[in-house]
Protein backbone atom coordinates (compact mmCIF):
# COMPACT_ATOMS: atom_id res chain seq x y z
CA UNK A 1 27.54 -4.37 16.80
CA UNK A 2 25.05 -2.97 18.80
CA UNK A 3 21.66 -4.56 20.24
CA UNK A 4 19.52 -2.39 18.13
CA UNK A 5 21.39 -2.99 14.88
CA UNK A 6 21.43 -6.78 15.51
CA UNK A 7 18.23 -6.72 15.80
CA UNK A 8 16.96 -4.71 12.67
CA UNK A 9 19.19 -6.48 10.44
CA UNK A 10 18.10 -9.59 11.68
CA UNK A 11 14.41 -8.53 10.99
CA UNK A 12 15.50 -7.51 7.73
CA UNK A 13 16.40 -10.43 6.48
CA UNK A 14 14.36 -12.20 7.95
CA UNK A 15 11.69 -10.65 6.39
CA UNK A 16 13.87 -10.65 2.49
CA UNK A 17 13.90 -15.00 3.61
CA UNK A 18 10.34 -14.80 3.72
CA UNK A 19 9.48 -11.92 0.72
CA UNK A 20 11.87 -14.47 -1.66
CA UNK A 21 9.74 -17.70 -0.09
CA UNK A 22 6.96 -15.75 -1.50
CA UNK A 23 8.48 -14.75 -5.06
CA UNK A 24 9.75 -18.05 -5.85
CA UNK A 25 7.89 -20.83 -4.54
CA UNK A 26 4.46 -19.78 -2.96
CA UNK A 27 3.37 -17.89 -6.02
CA UNK A 28 0.21 -15.64 -6.43
CA UNK A 29 -0.54 -17.73 -9.42
CA UNK A 30 -0.59 -20.80 -7.67
CA UNK A 31 -2.03 -19.75 -4.46
CA UNK A 32 -4.78 -17.89 -5.77
CA UNK A 33 -6.05 -20.74 -8.37
CA UNK A 34 -6.06 -22.85 -5.70
CA UNK A 35 -8.80 -20.15 -3.94
CA UNK A 36 -10.29 -20.29 -6.86
CA UNK A 37 -11.61 -23.49 -6.13
CA UNK A 38 -13.14 -22.55 -2.71
CA UNK A 39 -15.51 -19.71 -4.36
CA UNK A 40 -18.50 -21.70 -3.89
CA UNK A 41 -18.30 -23.16 -0.70
CA UNK A 42 -18.34 -19.12 0.86
CA UNK A 43 -17.21 -19.79 4.07
CA UNK A 44 -14.35 -21.16 3.08
CA UNK A 45 -13.27 -18.78 0.37
CA UNK A 46 -13.56 -15.83 3.19
CA UNK A 47 -12.11 -17.30 5.83
CA UNK A 48 -8.70 -18.31 3.15
CA UNK A 49 -9.33 -14.53 2.05
CA UNK A 50 -8.71 -12.87 5.49
CA UNK A 51 -5.46 -15.60 6.05
CA UNK A 52 -4.57 -14.25 2.57
CA UNK A 53 -4.65 -10.41 3.00
CA UNK A 54 -2.66 -11.30 6.49
CA UNK A 55 0.12 -12.34 5.65
CA UNK A 56 0.16 -10.67 1.73
CA UNK A 57 2.52 -8.09 2.86
CA UNK A 58 4.83 -10.96 4.39
CA UNK A 59 5.41 -13.03 0.67
CA UNK A 60 5.67 -9.59 -0.79
CA UNK A 61 2.27 -10.28 -3.57
CA UNK A 62 1.10 -7.20 -4.71
CA UNK A 63 -2.67 -5.79 -3.25
CA UNK A 64 -3.80 -5.80 -6.68
CA UNK A 65 -3.60 -9.80 -7.16
CA UNK A 66 -6.13 -10.27 -3.89
CA UNK A 67 -8.61 -6.89 -5.61
CA UNK A 68 -8.66 -9.12 -8.76
CA UNK A 69 -9.23 -12.10 -7.34
CA UNK A 70 -12.29 -10.69 -5.29
CA UNK A 71 -13.51 -8.70 -7.92
CA UNK A 72 -13.95 -11.64 -9.71
CA UNK A 73 -15.71 -13.69 -7.56
CA UNK A 74 -18.01 -11.11 -6.40
CA UNK A 75 -18.33 -9.02 -8.41
CA UNK A 76 -17.94 -4.86 -7.96
CA UNK A 77 -21.08 -4.45 -5.57
CA UNK A 78 -19.15 -6.28 -2.86
CA UNK A 79 -15.85 -6.33 -4.69
CA UNK A 80 -15.18 -3.00 -3.83
CA UNK A 81 -15.61 -2.57 -0.65
CA UNK A 82 -14.59 -5.92 0.41
CA UNK A 83 -11.15 -4.84 -1.71
CA UNK A 84 -11.33 -1.49 0.73
CA UNK A 85 -11.67 -3.14 3.69
CA UNK A 86 -8.79 -5.76 2.38
CA UNK A 87 -6.61 -3.36 1.82
CA UNK A 88 -6.22 -1.16 4.60
CA UNK A 89 -5.97 -4.59 7.33
CA UNK A 90 -2.79 -5.86 4.64
CA UNK A 91 -1.14 -2.92 5.01
CA UNK A 92 -1.54 -2.80 8.85
CA UNK A 93 1.13 -5.54 9.60
CA UNK A 94 3.78 -3.75 8.08
CA UNK A 95 3.38 -0.25 9.05
CA UNK A 96 2.66 -1.86 13.31
CA UNK A 97 6.23 -4.11 12.83
CA UNK A 98 7.63 -0.82 11.68
CA UNK A 99 6.23 1.45 14.31
CA UNK A 100 7.16 -0.80 16.89
CA UNK A 101 10.92 -1.33 15.78
CA UNK A 102 13.74 0.27 17.92
CA UNK A 103 14.94 3.02 16.14
CA UNK A 104 17.21 5.36 17.96
CA UNK A 105 20.21 3.91 16.42
CA UNK A 106 21.45 1.77 12.65
CA UNK A 107 19.99 2.16 9.27
CA UNK A 108 16.26 2.31 10.97
CA UNK A 109 17.52 5.95 12.52
CA UNK A 110 19.05 7.17 9.71
CA UNK A 111 15.45 5.65 7.79
CA UNK A 112 13.59 7.23 10.64
CA UNK A 113 15.25 10.82 10.18
CA UNK A 114 14.69 10.54 6.29
CA UNK A 115 10.85 10.16 6.37
CA UNK A 116 10.22 12.37 9.62
CA UNK A 117 12.12 15.42 6.40
CA UNK A 118 9.52 14.01 3.63
CA UNK A 119 6.64 14.81 6.40
CA UNK A 120 8.08 17.74 7.51
CA UNK A 121 7.36 19.63 4.23
CA UNK A 122 4.26 17.69 3.06
CA UNK A 123 1.99 16.79 6.77
CA UNK A 124 2.19 12.98 8.23
CA UNK A 125 -1.56 12.42 6.36
CA UNK A 126 -1.36 14.71 3.15
CA UNK A 127 2.29 12.65 2.33
CA UNK A 128 0.49 9.41 2.71
CA UNK A 129 -2.92 9.49 0.59
CA UNK A 130 -0.29 11.39 -1.80
CA UNK A 131 2.28 7.93 -1.50
CA UNK A 132 -0.83 5.72 -1.65
CA UNK A 133 -2.39 7.23 -4.64
CA UNK A 134 1.72 7.36 -6.98
CA UNK A 135 2.33 4.08 -8.49
CA UNK A 136 4.89 3.35 -5.38
CA UNK A 137 5.30 -0.60 -3.65
CA UNK A 138 2.24 -0.46 -0.77
CA UNK A 139 4.51 -1.97 1.87
CA UNK A 140 7.41 0.54 1.48
CA UNK A 141 4.93 3.29 2.06
CA UNK A 142 3.64 0.79 5.04
CA UNK A 143 7.04 0.40 6.64
CA UNK A 144 7.56 4.22 5.92
CA UNK A 145 4.51 5.42 7.41
CA UNK A 146 5.42 3.26 10.49
CA UNK A 147 9.16 4.31 11.08
CA UNK A 148 7.83 7.94 10.75
CA UNK A 149 5.22 7.50 13.54
CA UNK A 150 2.09 8.54 11.67
CA UNK A 151 -0.97 8.00 14.16
CA UNK A 152 -3.13 4.87 12.93
CA UNK A 153 -6.05 6.46 12.93
CA UNK A 154 -4.59 8.89 10.16
CA UNK A 155 -2.92 5.73 9.22
CA UNK A 156 -5.69 3.78 8.29
CA UNK A 157 -7.79 6.36 6.54
CA UNK A 158 -5.33 7.60 4.20
CA UNK A 159 -4.38 4.36 3.75
CA UNK A 160 -8.23 3.78 2.64
CA UNK A 161 -8.64 7.04 0.78
CA UNK A 162 -4.92 6.54 -1.25
CA UNK A 163 -6.11 3.16 -2.00
CA UNK A 164 -9.20 3.81 -3.21
CA UNK A 165 -8.54 4.47 -6.90
CA UNK A 166 -6.54 1.16 -7.24
CA UNK A 167 -8.58 -1.23 -5.44
CA UNK A 168 -11.87 -0.10 -7.57
CA UNK A 169 -9.53 -0.22 -10.70
CA UNK A 170 -8.49 -3.70 -10.25
CA UNK A 171 -11.74 -5.42 -8.30
CA UNK A 172 -13.66 -3.85 -11.74
CA UNK A 173 -10.56 -5.34 -13.80
CA UNK A 174 -11.14 -8.57 -12.45
CA UNK A 175 -15.24 -7.97 -12.64
CA UNK A 176 -14.50 -7.16 -16.30
CA UNK A 177 -12.54 -11.03 -17.09
CA UNK A 178 -15.65 -12.64 -15.34
CA UNK A 179 -18.31 -10.97 -17.94
CA UNK A 180 -16.41 -9.84 -20.63
CA UNK A 181 -16.71 -6.37 -20.22
CA UNK A 182 -14.29 -5.09 -21.77
CA UNK A 183 -15.22 -1.57 -21.46
CA UNK A 184 -15.33 -1.70 -18.10
CA UNK A 185 -12.05 -3.40 -18.50
CA UNK A 186 -10.41 -0.04 -20.68
CA UNK A 187 -11.79 2.50 -17.88
CA UNK A 188 -9.67 1.53 -15.13
CA UNK A 189 -6.29 3.54 -17.09
CA UNK A 190 -8.38 6.62 -16.36
CA UNK A 191 -9.26 6.05 -12.83
CA UNK A 192 -5.66 5.47 -13.06
CA UNK A 193 -3.97 7.94 -14.13
CA UNK A 194 -5.94 10.50 -12.81
CA UNK A 195 -5.54 8.58 -9.14
CA UNK A 196 -1.68 9.32 -10.01
CA UNK A 197 -1.86 13.20 -11.03
CA UNK A 198 -4.02 13.54 -7.99
CA UNK A 199 -0.90 12.81 -6.02
CA UNK A 200 1.69 14.07 -7.35
CA UNK A 201 -0.76 17.46 -6.87
CA UNK A 202 -0.72 16.59 -3.24
CA UNK A 203 2.56 17.38 -2.73
CA UNK A 204 3.63 19.65 -5.60
CA UNK A 205 2.35 22.65 -3.23
CA UNK A 206 4.08 21.61 -0.38
CA UNK A 207 7.46 20.65 -1.65
CA UNK A 208 7.42 24.21 -3.56
CA UNK A 209 6.59 25.85 -0.87
CA UNK A 210 9.44 24.19 1.12
CA UNK A 211 12.22 24.82 -2.22
CA UNK A 212 11.31 28.74 -2.08
CA UNK A 213 12.05 28.86 1.38
CA UNK A 214 15.30 27.53 0.73
CA UNK A 215 15.78 30.12 -1.92
CA UNK A 216 15.80 27.50 -4.61
CA UNK A 217 12.61 28.83 -6.47
CA UNK A 218 11.49 32.26 -7.01
CA UNK A 219 8.04 33.24 -7.44
CA UNK A 220 4.14 33.46 -6.33
CA UNK A 221 3.55 31.47 -3.13
CA UNK A 222 2.10 28.26 -3.53
CA UNK A 223 -1.68 28.50 -1.76
CA UNK A 224 -3.00 25.31 0.16
């Protein structure tokens, strides 16, 4: 078996094992419940939060779990910027892992080719923002962006913009659990629906133009 293929398979198995450990043993409920006990000690809580954001992708926790915690402890004014910074930070490890993984041959080579085909249609920046706005797995988007070679600056900015409505919604939901502000919690659904719709709009124009180029659709050209 080719050395690159062996490395890719070993890495995939290691990630799967770590994710299974995170889902079955170190569950978000258990870890975040323990972390809440540190809320009265701001320094330790902030340090633990940095660690959790750093390892979150390895144990396959959703970003929303940490955003809820941040909203519950800090409230919206502090929680939203902290949650946004955390979202960008927590999405970097899978991106960097995929970006520097060997992908000249093997399964990653095929995934790289598929990702480049998608980027050719939407553009890397627009496509990344759209993928973040849509209800897709955050880590799947991160790995795909790394495999397709999205530049790190565009990746960070695209992640920040695309994750904003999701982080804001979950931070507000976390804050509402503390204050019982039901009207604030209810408003998050509209925000998430708007984010999803915007994600569809961002990719619909480029996708339509590509389909017209292939002769699948006939009609007026969609402007940028």
